[in-house]
Amino acid sequence: MLELGQHSAKILLITDPNSKVGALIQRNGQGGMLVGRPDGKCKMLYIALDSDVQAGDKILTAGFGAIYPKGILVGEVIKVEREPGRLYKCAVIRPAEDMAKLEEVLCIK
């Protein structure tokens, strides 16, 4: 949440390029950082090279820090990549919800 007013809130979607969320692969517990992309998807960075992450894996919030509780479903892996020169894998994530069709959100403070 960016701003909170008496009757409104300004929020930051996980698909926003300014968004960064600690995340886990549900199947194996591998951690990483979920960042937004301009195309409406997310990218999970810092996945260990020996991790067996694969398309279809569910991605959950990791609960690092005090912003997002652990275990909230955020999306699903649709593609695994290795960027040249990087010491980690990354994965393209399809969000669990279509952010363009959101009508209501619940903000808990």
PDB file of N, CA and C in Angstrom:
ATOM      1  N   MET A   1       0.853  -1.158   0.000  1.00  0.00           N
ATOM      2  CA  MET A   1       0.000   0.000   0.000  1.00  0.00           C
ATOM      3  C   MET A   1       0.906   1.231   0.000  1.00  0.00           C
ATOM      4  N   LEU A   2       0.634   2.144  -0.896  1.00  0.00           N
ATOM      5  CA  LEU A   2       1.447   3.350  -0.974  1.00  0.00           C
ATOM      6  C   LEU A   2       0.909   4.480  -0.108  1.00  0.00           C
ATOM      7  N   GLU A   3      -0.412   4.664  -0.147  1.00  0.00           N
ATOM      8  CA  GLU A   3      -1.061   5.708   0.650  1.00  0.00           C
ATOM      9  C   GLU A   3      -2.378   5.179   1.187  1.00  0.00           C
ATOM     10  N   LEU A   4      -2.727   5.609   2.376  1.00  0.00           N
ATOM     11  CA  LEU A   4      -3.987   5.206   2.970  1.00  0.00           C
ATOM     12  C   LEU A   4      -4.736   6.450   3.406  1.00  0.00           C
ATOM     13  N   GLY A   5      -5.967   6.602   2.891  1.00  0.00           N
ATOM     14  CA  GLY A   5      -6.821   7.716   3.267  1.00  0.00           C
ATOM     15  C   GLY A   5      -8.009   7.202   4.049  1.00  0.00           C
ATOM     16  N   GLN A   6      -8.875   8.097   4.460  1.00  0.00           N
ATOM     17  CA  GLN A   6     -10.057   7.721   5.230  1.00  0.00           C
ATOM     18  C   GLN A   6     -10.965   6.775   4.436  1.00  0.00           C
ATOM     19  N   HIS A   7     -11.136   7.043   3.132  1.00  0.00           N
ATOM     20  CA  HIS A   7     -12.055   6.255   2.311  1.00  0.00           C
ATOM     21  C   HIS A   7     -11.406   5.706   1.041  1.00  0.00           C
ATOM     22  N   SER A   8     -10.107   5.765   0.955  1.00  0.00           N
ATOM     23  CA  SER A   8      -9.434   5.276  -0.245  1.00  0.00           C
ATOM     24  C   SER A   8      -7.999   4.869   0.092  1.00  0.00           C
ATOM     25  N   ALA A   9      -7.400   4.148  -0.831  1.00  0.00           N
ATOM     26  CA  ALA A   9      -6.005   3.743  -0.690  1.00  0.00           C
ATOM     27  C   ALA A   9      -5.360   3.714  -2.062  1.00  0.00           C
ATOM     28  N   LYS A  10      -4.104   4.046  -2.121  1.00  0.00           N
ATOM     29  CA  LYS A  10      -3.323   3.914  -3.349  1.00  0.00           C
ATOM     30  C   LYS A  10      -2.450   2.690  -3.160  1.00  0.00           C
ATOM     31  N   ILE A  11      -2.592   1.705  -4.058  1.00  0.00           N
ATOM     32  CA  ILE A  11      -1.877   0.440  -3.899  1.00  0.00           C
ATOM     33  C   ILE A  11      -0.861   0.244  -5.020  1.00  0.00           C
ATOM     34  N   LEU A  12       0.039  -0.676  -4.817  1.00  0.00           N
ATOM     35  CA  LEU A  12       1.044  -1.043  -5.805  1.00  0.00           C
ATOM     36  C   LEU A  12       0.814  -2.506  -6.148  1.00  0.00           C
ATOM     37  N   LEU A  13       0.451  -2.783  -7.396  1.00  0.00           N
ATOM     38  CA  LEU A  13       0.215  -4.158  -7.824  1.00  0.00           C
ATOM     39  C   LEU A  13       1.535  -4.907  -7.979  1.00  0.00           C
ATOM     40  N   ILE A  14       1.505  -6.228  -7.812  1.00  0.00           N
ATOM     41  CA  ILE A  14       2.730  -7.022  -7.957  1.00  0.00           C
ATOM     42  C   ILE A  14       3.267  -6.997  -9.383  1.00  0.00           C
ATOM     43  N   THR A  15       2.442  -6.603 -10.338  1.00  0.00           N
ATOM     44  CA  THR A  15       2.875  -6.523 -11.737  1.00  0.00           C
ATOM     45  C   THR A  15       3.541  -5.195 -12.064  1.00  0.00           C
ATOM     46  N   ASP A  16       3.527  -4.249 -11.147  1.00  0.00           N
ATOM     47  CA  ASP A  16       4.165  -2.947 -11.362  1.00  0.00           C
ATOM     48  C   ASP A  16       5.681  -3.126 -11.330  1.00  0.00           C
ATOM     49  N   PRO A  17       6.411  -2.549 -12.284  1.00  0.00           N
ATOM     50  CA  PRO A  17       7.875  -2.691 -12.292  1.00  0.00           C
ATOM     51  C   PRO A  17       8.565  -2.181 -11.021  1.00  0.00           C
ATOM     52  N   ASN A  18       7.892  -1.371 -10.223  1.00  0.00           N
ATOM     53  CA  ASN A  18       8.470  -0.888  -8.967  1.00  0.00           C
ATOM     54  C   ASN A  18       8.229  -1.844  -7.804  1.00  0.00           C
ATOM     55  N   SER A  19       7.472  -2.905  -8.037  1.00  0.00           N
ATOM     56  CA  SER A  19       7.123  -3.856  -6.989  1.00  0.00           C
ATOM     57  C   SER A  19       8.209  -4.915  -6.816  1.00  0.00           C
ATOM     58  N   LYS A  20       8.512  -5.218  -5.566  1.00  0.00           N
ATOM     59  CA  LYS A  20       9.461  -6.289  -5.233  1.00  0.00           C
ATOM     60  C   LYS A  20       8.898  -7.040  -4.035  1.00  0.00           C
ATOM     61  N   VAL A  21       8.730  -8.350  -4.188  1.00  0.00           N
ATOM     62  CA  VAL A  21       8.108  -9.174  -3.155  1.00  0.00           C
ATOM     63  C   VAL A  21       8.928 -10.447  -2.970  1.00  0.00           C
ATOM     64  N   GLY A  22       9.275 -10.773  -1.729  1.00  0.00           N
ATOM     65  CA  GLY A  22       9.935 -12.043  -1.444  1.00  0.00           C
ATOM     66  C   GLY A  22       8.970 -13.178  -1.769  1.00  0.00           C
ATOM     67  N   ALA A  23       9.451 -14.208  -2.471  1.00  0.00           N
ATOM     68  CA  ALA A  23       8.570 -15.283  -2.921  1.00  0.00           C
ATOM     69  C   ALA A  23       9.228 -16.647  -2.752  1.00  0.00           C
ATOM     70  N   LEU A  24       8.370 -17.677  -2.720  1.00  0.00           N
ATOM     71  CA  LEU A  24       8.813 -19.070  -2.603  1.00  0.00           C
ATOM     72  C   LEU A  24       8.128 -19.918  -3.659  1.00  0.00           C
ATOM     73  N   ILE A  25       8.853 -20.913  -4.148  1.00  0.00           N
ATOM     74  CA  ILE A  25       8.247 -21.925  -5.010  1.00  0.00           C
ATOM     75  C   ILE A  25       7.600 -22.933  -4.069  1.00  0.00           C
ATOM     76  N   GLN A  26       6.297 -23.128  -4.199  1.00  0.00           N
ATOM     77  CA  GLN A  26       5.554 -23.961  -3.246  1.00  0.00           C
ATOM     78  C   GLN A  26       6.086 -25.389  -3.192  1.00  0.00           C
ATOM     79  N   ARG A  27       6.396 -25.976  -4.321  1.00  0.00           N
ATOM     80  CA  ARG A  27       6.771 -27.389  -4.395  1.00  0.00           C
ATOM     81  C   ARG A  27       8.089 -27.709  -3.694  1.00  0.00           C
ATOM     82  N   ASN A  28       9.067 -26.782  -3.756  1.00  0.00           N
ATOM     83  CA  ASN A  28      10.381 -27.118  -3.191  1.00  0.00           C
ATOM     84  C   ASN A  28      10.913 -26.107  -2.171  1.00  0.00           C
ATOM     85  N   GLY A  29      10.166 -25.040  -1.918  1.00  0.00           N
ATOM     86  CA  GLY A  29      10.587 -24.066  -0.915  1.00  0.00           C
ATOM     87  C   GLY A  29      11.704 -23.135  -1.351  1.00  0.00           C
ATOM     88  N   GLN A  30      12.124 -23.212  -2.609  1.00  0.00           N
ATOM     89  CA  GLN A  30      13.190 -22.345  -3.123  1.00  0.00           C
ATOM     90  C   GLN A  30      12.726 -20.892  -3.091  1.00  0.00           C
ATOM     91  N   GLY A  31      13.561 -20.011  -2.562  1.00  0.00           N
ATOM     92  CA  GLY A  31      13.205 -18.601  -2.454  1.00  0.00           C
ATOM     93  C   GLY A  31      13.722 -17.771  -3.604  1.00  0.00           C
ATOM     94  N   GLY A  32      13.185 -16.582  -3.715  1.00  0.00           N
ATOM     95  CA  GLY A  32      13.610 -15.633  -4.727  1.00  0.00           C
ATOM     96  C   GLY A  32      12.905 -14.306  -4.524  1.00  0.00           C
ATOM     97  N   MET A  33      13.087 -13.403  -5.467  1.00  0.00           N
ATOM     98  CA  MET A  33      12.474 -12.084  -5.416  1.00  0.00           C
ATOM     99  C   MET A  33      11.568 -11.932  -6.638  1.00  0.00           C
ATOM    100  N   LEU A  34      10.304 -11.603  -6.373  1.00  0.00           N
ATOM    101  CA  LEU A  34       9.333 -11.400  -7.436  1.00  0.00           C
ATOM    102  C   LEU A  34       9.298  -9.918  -7.776  1.00  0.00           C
ATOM    103  N   VAL A  35       9.521  -9.592  -9.041  1.00  0.00           N
ATOM    104  CA  VAL A  35       9.472  -8.201  -9.497  1.00  0.00           C
ATOM    105  C   VAL A  35       8.440  -8.082 -10.600  1.00  0.00           C
ATOM    106  N   GLY A  36       7.803  -6.924 -10.680  1.00  0.00           N
ATOM    107  CA  GLY A  36       6.798  -6.694 -11.713  1.00  0.00           C
ATOM    108  C   GLY A  36       7.429  -6.432 -13.072  1.00  0.00           C
ATOM    109  N   ARG A  37       6.633  -6.647 -14.114  1.00  0.00           N
ATOM    110  CA  ARG A  37       7.057  -6.377 -15.487  1.00  0.00           C
ATOM    111  C   ARG A  37       5.985  -5.529 -16.168  1.00  0.00           C
ATOM    112  N   PRO A  38       6.360  -4.729 -17.145  1.00  0.00           N
ATOM    113  CA  PRO A  38       5.383  -3.870 -17.815  1.00  0.00           C
ATOM    114  C   PRO A  38       4.324  -4.629 -18.622  1.00  0.00           C
ATOM    115  N   ASP A  39       4.574  -5.904 -18.920  1.00  0.00           N
ATOM    116  CA  ASP A  39       3.626  -6.679 -19.736  1.00  0.00           C
ATOM    117  C   ASP A  39       2.518  -7.337 -18.910  1.00  0.00           C
ATOM    118  N   GLY A  40       2.425  -7.026 -17.619  1.00  0.00           N
ATOM    119  CA  GLY A  40       1.375  -7.598 -16.783  1.00  0.00           C
ATOM    120  C   GLY A  40       1.745  -8.921 -16.132  1.00  0.00           C
ATOM    121  N   LYS A  41       2.964  -9.362 -16.333  1.00  0.00           N
ATOM    122  CA  LYS A  41       3.458 -10.571 -15.679  1.00  0.00           C
ATOM    123  C   LYS A  41       4.488 -10.169 -14.636  1.00  0.00           C
ATOM    124  N   CYS A  42       5.083 -11.139 -13.979  1.00  0.00           N
ATOM    125  CA  CYS A  42       6.141 -10.904 -13.005  1.00  0.00           C
ATOM    126  C   CYS A  42       7.336 -11.768 -13.382  1.00  0.00           C
ATOM    127  N   LYS A  43       8.462 -11.472 -12.778  1.00  0.00           N
ATOM    128  CA  LYS A  43       9.661 -12.285 -12.954  1.00  0.00           C
ATOM    129  C   LYS A  43      10.194 -12.610 -11.577  1.00  0.00           C
ATOM    130  N   MET A  44      10.498 -13.880 -11.350  1.00  0.00           N
ATOM    131  CA  MET A  44      11.114 -14.294 -10.093  1.00  0.00           C
ATOM    132  C   MET A  44      12.607 -14.416 -10.335  1.00  0.00           C
ATOM    133  N   LEU A  45      13.390 -13.629  -9.605  1.00  0.00           N
ATOM    134  CA  LEU A  45      14.840 -13.602  -9.732  1.00  0.00           C
ATOM    135  C   LEU A  45      15.499 -14.371  -8.597  1.00  0.00           C
ATOM    136  N   TYR A  46      16.781 -14.637  -8.764  1.00  0.00           N
ATOM    137  CA  TYR A  46      17.639 -15.226  -7.722  1.00  0.00           C
ATOM    138  C   TYR A  46      17.258 -16.664  -7.364  1.00  0.00           C
ATOM    139  N   ILE A  47      16.800 -17.423  -8.343  1.00  0.00           N
ATOM    140  CA  ILE A  47      16.513 -18.843  -8.133  1.00  0.00           C
ATOM    141  C   ILE A  47      17.827 -19.604  -8.338  1.00  0.00           C
ATOM    142  N   ALA A  48      18.196 -20.445  -7.396  1.00  0.00           N
ATOM    143  CA  ALA A  48      19.460 -21.190  -7.476  1.00  0.00           C
ATOM    144  C   ALA A  48      19.550 -21.974  -8.789  1.00  0.00           C
ATOM    145  N   LEU A  49      20.758 -22.016  -9.363  1.00  0.00           N
ATOM    146  CA  LEU A  49      20.964 -22.716 -10.631  1.00  0.00           C
ATOM    147  C   LEU A  49      20.600 -24.195 -10.543  1.00  0.00           C
ATOM    148  N   ASP A  50      20.771 -24.807  -9.374  1.00  0.00           N
ATOM    149  CA  ASP A  50      20.463 -26.233  -9.245  1.00  0.00           C
ATOM    150  C   ASP A  50      19.011 -26.493  -8.837  1.00  0.00           C
ATOM    151  N   SER A  51      18.207 -25.454  -8.749  1.00  0.00           N
ATOM    152  CA  SER A  51      16.794 -25.622  -8.401  1.00  0.00           C
ATOM    153  C   SER A  51      16.056 -26.295  -9.555  1.00  0.00           C
ATOM    154  N   ASP A  52      15.079 -27.140  -9.218  1.00  0.00           N
ATOM    155  CA  ASP A  52      14.314 -27.833 -10.261  1.00  0.00           C
ATOM    156  C   ASP A  52      12.994 -27.115 -10.563  1.00  0.00           C
ATOM    157  N   VAL A  53      12.995 -25.793 -10.513  1.00  0.00           N
ATOM    158  CA  VAL A  53      11.808 -25.015 -10.841  1.00  0.00           C
ATOM    159  C   VAL A  53      11.343 -25.348 -12.259  1.00  0.00           C
ATOM    160  N   GLN A  54      10.029 -25.435 -12.436  1.00  0.00           N
ATOM    161  CA  GLN A  54       9.482 -25.793 -13.748  1.00  0.00           C
ATOM    162  C   GLN A  54       8.133 -25.130 -13.988  1.00  0.00           C
ATOM    163  N   ALA A  55       7.746 -25.062 -15.247  1.00  0.00           N
ATOM    164  CA  ALA A  55       6.449 -24.496 -15.611  1.00  0.00           C
ATOM    165  C   ALA A  55       5.352 -25.222 -14.833  1.00  0.00           C
ATOM    166  N   GLY A  56       4.401 -24.442 -14.321  1.00  0.00           N
ATOM    167  CA  GLY A  56       3.309 -24.998 -13.544  1.00  0.00           C
ATOM    168  C   GLY A  56       3.501 -24.881 -12.039  1.00  0.00           C
ATOM    169  N   ASP A  57       4.747 -24.631 -11.587  1.00  0.00           N
ATOM    170  CA  ASP A  57       4.984 -24.458 -10.149  1.00  0.00           C
ATOM    171  C   ASP A  57       4.224 -23.241  -9.639  1.00  0.00           C
ATOM    172  N   LYS A  58       3.630 -23.361  -8.458  1.00  0.00           N
ATOM    173  CA  LYS A  58       2.912 -22.266  -7.806  1.00  0.00           C
ATOM    174  C   LYS A  58       3.906 -21.411  -7.017  1.00  0.00           C
ATOM    175  N   ILE A  59       3.686 -20.101  -7.040  1.00  0.00           N
ATOM    176  CA  ILE A  59       4.548 -19.156  -6.345  1.00  0.00           C
ATOM    177  C   ILE A  59       3.760 -18.500  -5.218  1.00  0.00           C
ATOM    178  N   LEU A  60       4.349 -18.490  -4.013  1.00  0.00           N
ATOM    179  CA  LEU A  60       3.714 -17.949  -2.820  1.00  0.00           C
ATOM    180  C   LEU A  60       4.561 -16.814  -2.244  1.00  0.00           C
ATOM    181  N   THR A  61       3.926 -15.940  -1.459  1.00  0.00           N
ATOM    182  CA  THR A  61       4.705 -14.939  -0.736  1.00  0.00           C
ATOM    183  C   THR A  61       5.571 -15.644   0.301  1.00  0.00           C
ATOM    184  N   ALA A  62       6.757 -15.093   0.546  1.00  0.00           N
ATOM    185  CA  ALA A  62       7.712 -15.719   1.460  1.00  0.00           C
ATOM    186  C   ALA A  62       7.543 -15.253   2.903  1.00  0.00           C
ATOM    187  N   GLY A  63       6.922 -14.102   3.097  1.00  0.00           N
ATOM    188  CA  GLY A  63       6.730 -13.599   4.452  1.00  0.00           C
ATOM    189  C   GLY A  63       7.929 -12.863   5.006  1.00  0.00           C
ATOM    190  N   PHE A  64       8.906 -12.503   4.151  1.00  0.00           N
ATOM    191  CA  PHE A  64      10.060 -11.728   4.614  1.00  0.00           C
ATOM    192  C   PHE A  64       9.585 -10.316   4.942  1.00  0.00           C
ATOM    193  N   GLY A  65      10.102  -9.734   5.991  1.00  0.00           N
ATOM    194  CA  GLY A  65       9.694  -8.384   6.365  1.00  0.00           C
ATOM    195  C   GLY A  65       8.303  -8.392   6.974  1.00  0.00           C
ATOM    196  N   ALA A  66       7.684  -7.238   7.009  1.00  0.00           N
ATOM    197  CA  ALA A  66       6.388  -7.121   7.675  1.00  0.00           C
ATOM    198  C   ALA A  66       5.279  -6.703   6.721  1.00  0.00           C
ATOM    199  N   ILE A  67       5.502  -6.793   5.421  1.00  0.00           N
ATOM    200  CA  ILE A  67       4.503  -6.294   4.479  1.00  0.00           C
ATOM    201  C   ILE A  67       3.524  -7.380   4.063  1.00  0.00           C
ATOM    202  N   TYR A  68       4.022  -8.523   3.593  1.00  0.00           N
ATOM    203  CA  TYR A  68       3.147  -9.587   3.107  1.00  0.00           C
ATOM    204  C   TYR A  68       3.286 -10.819   3.992  1.00  0.00           C
ATOM    205  N   PRO A  69       2.182 -11.379   4.448  1.00  0.00           N
ATOM    206  CA  PRO A  69       2.283 -12.619   5.228  1.00  0.00           C
ATOM    207  C   PRO A  69       2.722 -13.783   4.334  1.00  0.00           C
ATOM    208  N   LYS A  70       3.292 -14.795   4.939  1.00  0.00           N
ATOM    209  CA  LYS A  70       3.770 -15.967   4.215  1.00  0.00           C
ATOM    210  C   LYS A  70       2.596 -16.795   3.694  1.00  0.00           C
ATOM    211  N   GLY A  71       2.763 -17.332   2.473  1.00  0.00           N
ATOM    212  CA  GLY A  71       1.828 -18.328   1.957  1.00  0.00           C
ATOM    213  C   GLY A  71       0.704 -17.836   1.068  1.00  0.00           C
ATOM    214  N   ILE A  72       0.705 -16.570   0.672  1.00  0.00           N
ATOM    215  CA  ILE A  72      -0.338 -16.080  -0.232  1.00  0.00           C
ATOM    216  C   ILE A  72       0.043 -16.455  -1.664  1.00  0.00           C
ATOM    217  N   LEU A  73      -0.871 -17.099  -2.374  1.00  0.00           N
ATOM    218  CA  LEU A  73      -0.621 -17.473  -3.769  1.00  0.00           C
ATOM    219  C   LEU A  73      -0.533 -16.214  -4.618  1.00  0.00           C
ATOM    220  N   VAL A  74       0.572 -16.055  -5.348  1.00  0.00           N
ATOM    221  CA  VAL A  74       0.720 -14.887  -6.220  1.00  0.00           C
ATOM    222  C   VAL A  74       0.736 -15.240  -7.691  1.00  0.00           C
ATOM    223  N   GLY A  75       1.042 -16.489  -8.033  1.00  0.00           N
ATOM    224  CA  GLY A  75       1.052 -16.831  -9.444  1.00  0.00           C
ATOM    225  C   GLY A  75       1.591 -18.211  -9.733  1.00  0.00           C
ATOM    226  N   GLU A  76       1.885 -18.423 -11.023  1.00  0.00           N
ATOM    227  CA  GLU A  76       2.345 -19.717 -11.521  1.00  0.00           C
ATOM    228  C   GLU A  76       3.461 -19.505 -12.536  1.00  0.00           C
ATOM    229  N   VAL A  77       4.475 -20.353 -12.468  1.00  0.00           N
ATOM    230  CA  VAL A  77       5.594 -20.294 -13.415  1.00  0.00           C
ATOM    231  C   VAL A  77       5.104 -20.690 -14.809  1.00  0.00           C
ATOM    232  N   ILE A  78       5.416 -19.839 -15.794  1.00  0.00           N
ATOM    233  CA  ILE A  78       5.080 -20.192 -17.177  1.00  0.00           C
ATOM    234  C   ILE A  78       6.328 -20.437 -18.031  1.00  0.00           C
ATOM    235  N   LYS A  79       7.493 -19.974 -17.535  1.00  0.00           N
ATOM    236  CA  LYS A  79       8.724 -20.156 -18.307  1.00  0.00           C
ATOM    237  C   LYS A  79       9.914 -19.983 -17.373  1.00  0.00           C
ATOM    238  N   VAL A  80      10.924 -20.826 -17.525  1.00  0.00           N
ATOM    239  CA  VAL A  80      12.161 -20.721 -16.746  1.00  0.00           C
ATOM    240  C   VAL A  80      13.274 -20.307 -17.696  1.00  0.00           C
ATOM    241  N   GLU A  81      14.098 -19.339 -17.261  1.00  0.00           N
ATOM    242  CA  GLU A  81      15.161 -18.810 -18.110  1.00  0.00           C
ATOM    243  C   GLU A  81      16.468 -18.721 -17.334  1.00  0.00           C
ATOM    244  N   ARG A  82      17.538 -18.639 -18.075  1.00  0.00           N
ATOM    245  CA  ARG A  82      18.838 -18.305 -17.474  1.00  0.00           C
ATOM    246  C   ARG A  82      19.399 -17.151 -18.276  1.00  0.00           C
ATOM    247  N   GLU A  83      19.539 -16.017 -17.632  1.00  0.00           N
ATOM    248  CA  GLU A  83      20.050 -14.836 -18.307  1.00  0.00           C
ATOM    249  C   GLU A  83      21.569 -14.935 -18.404  1.00  0.00           C
ATOM    250  N   PRO A  84      22.131 -14.648 -19.565  1.00  0.00           N
ATOM    251  CA  PRO A  84      23.589 -14.733 -19.742  1.00  0.00           C
ATOM    252  C   PRO A  84      24.325 -13.876 -18.709  1.00  0.00           C
ATOM    253  N   GLY A  85      25.373 -14.437 -18.139  1.00  0.00           N
ATOM    254  CA  GLY A  85      26.206 -13.726 -17.186  1.00  0.00           C
ATOM    255  C   GLY A  85      25.673 -13.694 -15.763  1.00  0.00           C
ATOM    256  N   ARG A  86      24.510 -14.281 -15.520  1.00  0.00           N
ATOM    257  CA  ARG A  86      23.931 -14.281 -14.169  1.00  0.00           C
ATOM    258  C   ARG A  86      24.238 -15.605 -13.480  1.00  0.00           C
ATOM    259  N   LEU A  87      24.337 -15.567 -12.172  1.00  0.00           N
ATOM    260  CA  LEU A  87      24.638 -16.758 -11.393  1.00  0.00           C
ATOM    261  C   LEU A  87      23.377 -17.376 -10.806  1.00  0.00           C
ATOM    262  N   TYR A  88      22.240 -17.106 -11.425  1.00  0.00           N
ATOM    263  CA  TYR A  88      20.964 -17.642 -10.957  1.00  0.00           C
ATOM    264  C   TYR A  88      20.008 -17.814 -12.137  1.00  0.00           C
ATOM    265  N   LYS A  89      18.966 -18.585 -11.903  1.00  0.00           N
ATOM    266  CA  LYS A  89      17.882 -18.718 -12.872  1.00  0.00           C
ATOM    267  C   LYS A  89      16.825 -17.673 -12.560  1.00  0.00           C
ATOM    268  N   CYS A  90      15.955 -17.451 -13.516  1.00  0.00           N
ATOM    269  CA  CYS A  90      14.786 -16.623 -13.259  1.00  0.00           C
ATOM    270  C   CYS A  90      13.596 -17.292 -13.930  1.00  0.00           C
ATOM    271  N   ALA A  91      12.405 -16.904 -13.528  1.00  0.00           N
ATOM    272  CA  ALA A  91      11.194 -17.516 -14.067  1.00  0.00           C
ATOM    273  C   ALA A  91      10.162 -16.428 -14.345  1.00  0.00           C
ATOM    274  N   VAL A  92       9.464 -16.574 -15.451  1.00  0.00           N
ATOM    275  CA  VAL A  92       8.356 -15.676 -15.764  1.00  0.00           C
ATOM    276  C   VAL A  92       7.118 -16.233 -15.063  1.00  0.00           C
ATOM    277  N   ILE A  93       6.397 -15.354 -14.372  1.00  0.00           N
ATOM    278  CA  ILE A  93       5.264 -15.750 -13.550  1.00  0.00           C
ATOM    279  C   ILE A  93       3.981 -15.104 -14.066  1.00  0.00           C
ATOM    280  N   ARG A  94       2.958 -15.922 -14.253  1.00  0.00           N
ATOM    281  CA  ARG A  94       1.624 -15.395 -14.571  1.00  0.00           C
ATOM    282  C   ARG A  94       0.920 -15.177 -13.235  1.00  0.00           C
ATOM    283  N   PRO A  95       0.476 -13.934 -12.955  1.00  0.00           N
ATOM    284  CA  PRO A  95      -0.212 -13.685 -11.682  1.00  0.00           C
ATOM    285  C   PRO A  95      -1.452 -14.565 -11.524  1.00  0.00           C
ATOM    286  N   ALA A  96      -1.777 -14.885 -10.284  1.00  0.00           N
ATOM    287  CA  ALA A  96      -2.928 -15.734  -9.981  1.00  0.00           C
ATOM    288  C   ALA A  96      -4.238 -15.048 -10.371  1.00  0.00           C
ATOM    289  N   GLU A  97      -4.240 -13.731 -10.397  1.00  0.00           N
ATOM    290  CA  GLU A  97      -5.429 -12.966 -10.777  1.00  0.00           C
ATOM    291  C   GLU A  97      -5.095 -12.040 -11.932  1.00  0.00           C
ATOM    292  N   ASP A  98      -6.082 -11.754 -12.769  1.00  0.00           N
ATOM    293  CA  ASP A  98      -5.912 -10.809 -13.865  1.00  0.00           C
ATOM    294  C   ASP A  98      -6.021  -9.401 -13.286  1.00  0.00           C
ATOM    295  N   MET A  99      -4.899  -8.712 -13.180  1.00  0.00           N
ATOM    296  CA  MET A  99      -4.875  -7.396 -12.537  1.00  0.00           C
ATOM    297  C   MET A  99      -5.705  -6.363 -13.295  1.00  0.00           C
ATOM    298  N   ALA A 100      -5.899  -6.558 -14.585  1.00  0.00           N
ATOM    299  CA  ALA A 100      -6.692  -5.615 -15.373  1.00  0.00           C
ATOM    300  C   ALA A 100      -8.183  -5.726 -15.074  1.00  0.00           C
ATOM    301  N   LYS A 101      -8.585  -6.823 -14.435  1.00  0.00           N
ATOM    302  CA  LYS A 101     -10.006  -7.031 -14.159  1.00  0.00           C
ATOM    303  C   LYS A 101     -10.362  -6.870 -12.685  1.00  0.00           C
ATOM    304  N   LEU A 102      -9.429  -6.412 -11.872  1.00  0.00           N
ATOM    305  CA  LEU A 102      -9.723  -6.208 -10.460  1.00  0.00           C
ATOM    306  C   LEU A 102     -10.752  -5.095 -10.290  1.00  0.00           C
ATOM    307  N   GLU A 103     -11.749  -5.340  -9.491  1.00  0.00           N
ATOM    308  CA  GLU A 103     -12.747  -4.318  -9.188  1.00  0.00           C
ATOM    309  C   GLU A 103     -12.669  -3.888  -7.736  1.00  0.00           C
ATOM    310  N   GLU A 104     -12.302  -4.809  -6.862  1.00  0.00           N
ATOM    311  CA  GLU A 104     -12.201  -4.496  -5.432  1.00  0.00           C
ATOM    312  C   GLU A 104     -10.983  -5.189  -4.865  1.00  0.00           C
ATOM    313  N   VAL A 105     -10.354  -4.535  -3.904  1.00  0.00           N
ATOM    314  CA  VAL A 105      -9.260  -5.141  -3.154  1.00  0.00           C
ATOM    315  C   VAL A 105      -9.500  -4.885  -1.676  1.00  0.00           C
ATOM    316  N   LEU A 106      -8.926  -5.716  -0.846  1.00  0.00           N
ATOM    317  CA  LEU A 106      -9.032  -5.542   0.600  1.00  0.00           C
ATOM    318  C   LEU A 106      -7.650  -5.150   1.103  1.00  0.00           C
ATOM    319  N   CYS A 107      -7.558  -4.000   1.736  1.00  0.00           N
ATOM    320  CA  CYS A 107      -6.301  -3.533   2.305  1.00  0.00           C
ATOM    321  C   CYS A 107      -6.397  -3.672   3.816  1.00  0.00           C
ATOM    322  N   ILE A 108      -5.481  -4.402   4.398  1.00  0.00           N
ATOM    323  CA  ILE A 108      -5.461  -4.602   5.841  1.00  0.00           C
ATOM    324  C   ILE A 108      -4.265  -3.854   6.407  1.00  0.00           C
ATOM    325  N   LYS A 109      -4.520  -3.005   7.354  1.00  0.00           N
ATOM    326  CA  LYS A 109      -3.441  -2.236   7.947  1.00  0.00           C
ATOM    327  C   LYS A 109      -3.154  -2.741   9.335  1.00  0.00           C
TER     328      LYS A 109
END
